[in-house]
Amino acid sequence: MTEDEFTEALQRLGLSQAALGRLLDDLGEQQPAPTTVWRWADGRSRVPIGIGALLKLLEQLPTEIRAQVTRKALRA
């Protein structure tokens, strides 16, 4: 996933970079530093394969289920 694809996926999902970090934490992964997510969006670091796969999976979920998965991350 390129940095542009990453940024566009976040926008389609309605997730900020910070919300993505919180979502990863909610899913049991260590929350990445804000600068890490920024580097993915800026192209300074490659988007990990697992992150790209997660975003693509989230986009394929029915809206109601996606909302349940992301609700807590969006509230903070």
N, C-alpha and C. Protein backbone atom coordinates (compact mmCIF):
# COMPACT_ATOMS: atom_id res chain seq x y z
N MET A 1 0.85 -1.17 0.00
CA MET A 1 0.00 0.00 0.00
C MET A 1 0.90 1.23 0.00
N THR A 2 0.64 2.13 -0.92
CA THR A 2 1.42 3.38 -0.99
C THR A 2 0.91 4.36 0.05
N GLU A 3 1.66 5.42 0.26
CA GLU A 3 1.23 6.45 1.21
C GLU A 3 -0.08 7.09 0.77
N ASP A 4 -0.27 7.28 -0.54
CA ASP A 4 -1.51 7.87 -1.03
C ASP A 4 -2.69 6.92 -0.79
N GLU A 5 -2.49 5.64 -1.06
CA GLU A 5 -3.54 4.65 -0.81
C GLU A 5 -3.88 4.59 0.68
N PHE A 6 -2.86 4.68 1.51
CA PHE A 6 -3.04 4.66 2.96
C PHE A 6 -3.89 5.86 3.39
N THR A 7 -3.52 7.03 2.96
CA THR A 7 -4.24 8.25 3.33
C THR A 7 -5.68 8.22 2.82
N GLU A 8 -5.85 7.77 1.60
CA GLU A 8 -7.20 7.68 1.02
C GLU A 8 -8.06 6.67 1.77
N ALA A 9 -7.46 5.55 2.17
CA ALA A 9 -8.21 4.54 2.92
C ALA A 9 -8.65 5.10 4.27
N LEU A 10 -7.76 5.83 4.94
CA LEU A 10 -8.14 6.45 6.21
C LEU A 10 -9.31 7.41 6.01
N GLN A 11 -9.25 8.20 4.95
CA GLN A 11 -10.33 9.15 4.67
C GLN A 11 -11.64 8.43 4.40
N ARG A 12 -11.60 7.39 3.59
CA ARG A 12 -12.83 6.64 3.29
C ARG A 12 -13.43 6.02 4.54
N LEU A 13 -12.57 5.60 5.45
CA LEU A 13 -13.02 4.97 6.68
C LEU A 13 -13.40 6.00 7.76
N GLY A 14 -13.08 7.26 7.51
CA GLY A 14 -13.37 8.30 8.50
C GLY A 14 -12.45 8.24 9.71
N LEU A 15 -11.24 7.72 9.51
CA LEU A 15 -10.28 7.59 10.59
C LEU A 15 -9.17 8.63 10.45
N SER A 16 -8.85 9.27 11.55
CA SER A 16 -7.67 10.12 11.57
C SER A 16 -6.46 9.21 11.83
N GLN A 17 -5.28 9.77 11.71
CA GLN A 17 -4.08 8.99 12.02
C GLN A 17 -4.10 8.57 13.49
N ALA A 18 -4.52 9.47 14.37
CA ALA A 18 -4.58 9.15 15.80
C ALA A 18 -5.62 8.07 16.07
N ALA A 19 -6.77 8.14 15.38
CA ALA A 19 -7.81 7.13 15.57
C ALA A 19 -7.31 5.75 15.12
N LEU A 20 -6.54 5.71 14.05
CA LEU A 20 -5.97 4.43 13.61
C LEU A 20 -5.07 3.86 14.70
N GLY A 21 -4.26 4.69 15.32
CA GLY A 21 -3.41 4.23 16.41
C GLY A 21 -4.23 3.66 17.56
N ARG A 22 -5.31 4.36 17.92
CA ARG A 22 -6.18 3.86 19.00
C ARG A 22 -6.85 2.56 18.60
N LEU A 23 -7.25 2.45 17.34
CA LEU A 23 -7.89 1.23 16.86
C LEU A 23 -6.93 0.05 16.96
N LEU A 24 -5.69 0.25 16.56
CA LEU A 24 -4.70 -0.82 16.67
C LEU A 24 -4.52 -1.24 18.12
N ASP A 25 -4.51 -0.27 19.01
CA ASP A 25 -4.40 -0.57 20.44
C ASP A 25 -5.62 -1.38 20.91
N ASP A 26 -6.80 -0.99 20.46
CA ASP A 26 -8.04 -1.69 20.82
C ASP A 26 -8.03 -3.13 20.30
N LEU A 27 -7.39 -3.35 19.17
CA LEU A 27 -7.35 -4.68 18.56
C LEU A 27 -6.24 -5.56 19.14
N GLY A 28 -5.52 -5.02 20.13
CA GLY A 28 -4.51 -5.83 20.80
C GLY A 28 -3.09 -5.62 20.32
N GLU A 29 -2.91 -4.72 19.39
CA GLU A 29 -1.56 -4.38 18.95
C GLU A 29 -1.05 -3.20 19.77
N GLN A 30 0.24 -3.09 19.89
CA GLN A 30 0.79 -1.93 20.58
C GLN A 30 0.50 -0.69 19.73
N GLN A 31 -0.03 0.33 20.37
CA GLN A 31 -0.35 1.56 19.65
C GLN A 31 0.93 2.18 19.11
N PRO A 32 0.98 2.42 17.80
CA PRO A 32 2.20 3.03 17.24
C PRO A 32 2.31 4.49 17.66
N ALA A 33 3.52 4.98 17.69
CA ALA A 33 3.73 6.40 17.99
C ALA A 33 3.08 7.23 16.90
N PRO A 34 2.55 8.40 17.26
CA PRO A 34 1.94 9.26 16.24
C PRO A 34 2.88 9.55 15.08
N THR A 35 4.17 9.67 15.36
CA THR A 35 5.10 9.94 14.26
C THR A 35 5.22 8.75 13.32
N THR A 36 5.00 7.55 13.82
CA THR A 36 5.06 6.36 12.96
C THR A 36 3.94 6.40 11.94
N VAL A 37 2.73 6.67 12.39
CA VAL A 37 1.59 6.74 11.48
C VAL A 37 1.78 7.89 10.50
N TRP A 38 2.30 9.01 10.98
CA TRP A 38 2.56 10.14 10.10
C TRP A 38 3.58 9.76 9.03
N ARG A 39 4.60 9.02 9.40
CA ARG A 39 5.61 8.58 8.42
C ARG A 39 5.00 7.67 7.36
N TRP A 40 4.04 6.83 7.75
CA TRP A 40 3.34 5.99 6.76
C TRP A 40 2.59 6.89 5.78
N ALA A 41 1.90 7.89 6.30
CA ALA A 41 1.09 8.77 5.45
C ALA A 41 1.97 9.67 4.57
N ASP A 42 3.14 10.01 5.08
CA ASP A 42 4.04 10.91 4.36
C ASP A 42 4.95 10.16 3.37
N GLY A 43 4.99 8.84 3.48
CA GLY A 43 5.85 8.07 2.61
C GLY A 43 7.27 7.93 3.09
N ARG A 44 7.54 8.39 4.30
CA ARG A 44 8.90 8.27 4.85
C ARG A 44 9.19 6.86 5.32
N SER A 45 8.12 6.12 5.65
CA SER A 45 8.24 4.71 6.02
C SER A 45 7.18 3.94 5.25
N ARG A 46 7.49 2.70 4.93
CA ARG A 46 6.52 1.86 4.21
C ARG A 46 5.38 1.48 5.14
N VAL A 47 4.19 1.45 4.57
CA VAL A 47 3.03 0.99 5.33
C VAL A 47 3.18 -0.52 5.50
N PRO A 48 3.19 -1.01 6.74
CA PRO A 48 3.33 -2.45 6.93
C PRO A 48 2.20 -3.22 6.22
N ILE A 49 2.53 -4.39 5.73
CA ILE A 49 1.55 -5.20 4.99
C ILE A 49 0.30 -5.43 5.82
N GLY A 50 0.48 -5.72 7.10
CA GLY A 50 -0.67 -5.99 7.97
C GLY A 50 -1.58 -4.79 8.14
N ILE A 51 -1.02 -3.60 8.14
CA ILE A 51 -1.84 -2.39 8.27
C ILE A 51 -2.65 -2.19 7.00
N GLY A 52 -2.01 -2.35 5.85
CA GLY A 52 -2.74 -2.24 4.59
C GLY A 52 -3.86 -3.27 4.51
N ALA A 53 -3.56 -4.50 4.93
CA ALA A 53 -4.58 -5.55 4.90
C ALA A 53 -5.73 -5.23 5.84
N LEU A 54 -5.43 -4.70 7.02
CA LEU A 54 -6.47 -4.33 7.97
C LEU A 54 -7.39 -3.26 7.39
N LEU A 55 -6.81 -2.24 6.78
CA LEU A 55 -7.62 -1.16 6.21
C LEU A 55 -8.51 -1.68 5.08
N LYS A 56 -7.96 -2.55 4.24
CA LYS A 56 -8.76 -3.12 3.16
C LYS A 56 -9.89 -3.98 3.71
N LEU A 57 -9.60 -4.74 4.76
CA LEU A 57 -10.63 -5.56 5.39
C LEU A 57 -11.72 -4.69 6.00
N LEU A 58 -11.33 -3.63 6.70
CA LEU A 58 -12.31 -2.73 7.29
C LEU A 58 -13.23 -2.14 6.23
N GLU A 59 -12.66 -1.80 5.08
CA GLU A 59 -13.47 -1.23 4.00
C GLU A 59 -14.49 -2.22 3.45
N GLN A 60 -14.19 -3.51 3.55
CA GLN A 60 -15.09 -4.52 3.01
C GLN A 60 -16.19 -4.92 4.00
N LEU A 61 -16.03 -4.55 5.25
CA LEU A 61 -17.05 -4.90 6.25
C LEU A 61 -18.34 -4.13 6.01
N PRO A 62 -19.47 -4.74 6.34
CA PRO A 62 -20.72 -3.98 6.29
C PRO A 62 -20.61 -2.76 7.21
N THR A 63 -21.26 -1.69 6.84
CA THR A 63 -21.16 -0.42 7.56
C THR A 63 -21.41 -0.57 9.05
N GLU A 64 -22.42 -1.32 9.42
CA GLU A 64 -22.77 -1.47 10.84
C GLU A 64 -21.65 -2.15 11.62
N ILE A 65 -21.07 -3.18 11.06
CA ILE A 65 -19.99 -3.90 11.75
C ILE A 65 -18.75 -3.02 11.82
N ARG A 66 -18.44 -2.33 10.73
CA ARG A 66 -17.28 -1.43 10.73
C ARG A 66 -17.45 -0.36 11.81
N ALA A 67 -18.65 0.17 11.95
CA ALA A 67 -18.91 1.18 12.97
C ALA A 67 -18.68 0.62 14.37
N GLN A 68 -19.08 -0.62 14.60
CA GLN A 68 -18.86 -1.25 15.90
C GLN A 68 -17.37 -1.41 16.20
N VAL A 69 -16.62 -1.80 15.18
CA VAL A 69 -15.18 -2.03 15.35
C VAL A 69 -14.44 -0.72 15.62
N THR A 70 -14.83 0.35 14.96
CA THR A 70 -14.10 1.61 15.05
C THR A 70 -14.67 2.60 16.06
N ARG A 71 -15.83 2.30 16.61
CA ARG A 71 -16.53 3.25 17.50
C ARG A 71 -15.65 3.78 18.62
N LYS A 72 -15.01 2.92 19.37
CA LYS A 72 -14.21 3.34 20.52
C LYS A 72 -13.04 4.21 20.08
N ALA A 73 -12.38 3.85 19.00
CA ALA A 73 -11.22 4.61 18.51
C ALA A 73 -11.62 6.01 18.05
N LEU A 74 -12.84 6.15 17.54
CA LEU A 74 -13.30 7.44 17.05
C LEU A 74 -13.74 8.37 18.16
N ARG A 75 -14.08 7.83 19.32
CA ARG A 75 -14.59 8.65 20.42
C ARG A 75 -13.52 9.42 21.16
N ALA A 76 -12.33 8.92 21.20
CA ALA A 76 -11.28 9.54 22.03
C ALA A 76 -10.86 10.89 21.52
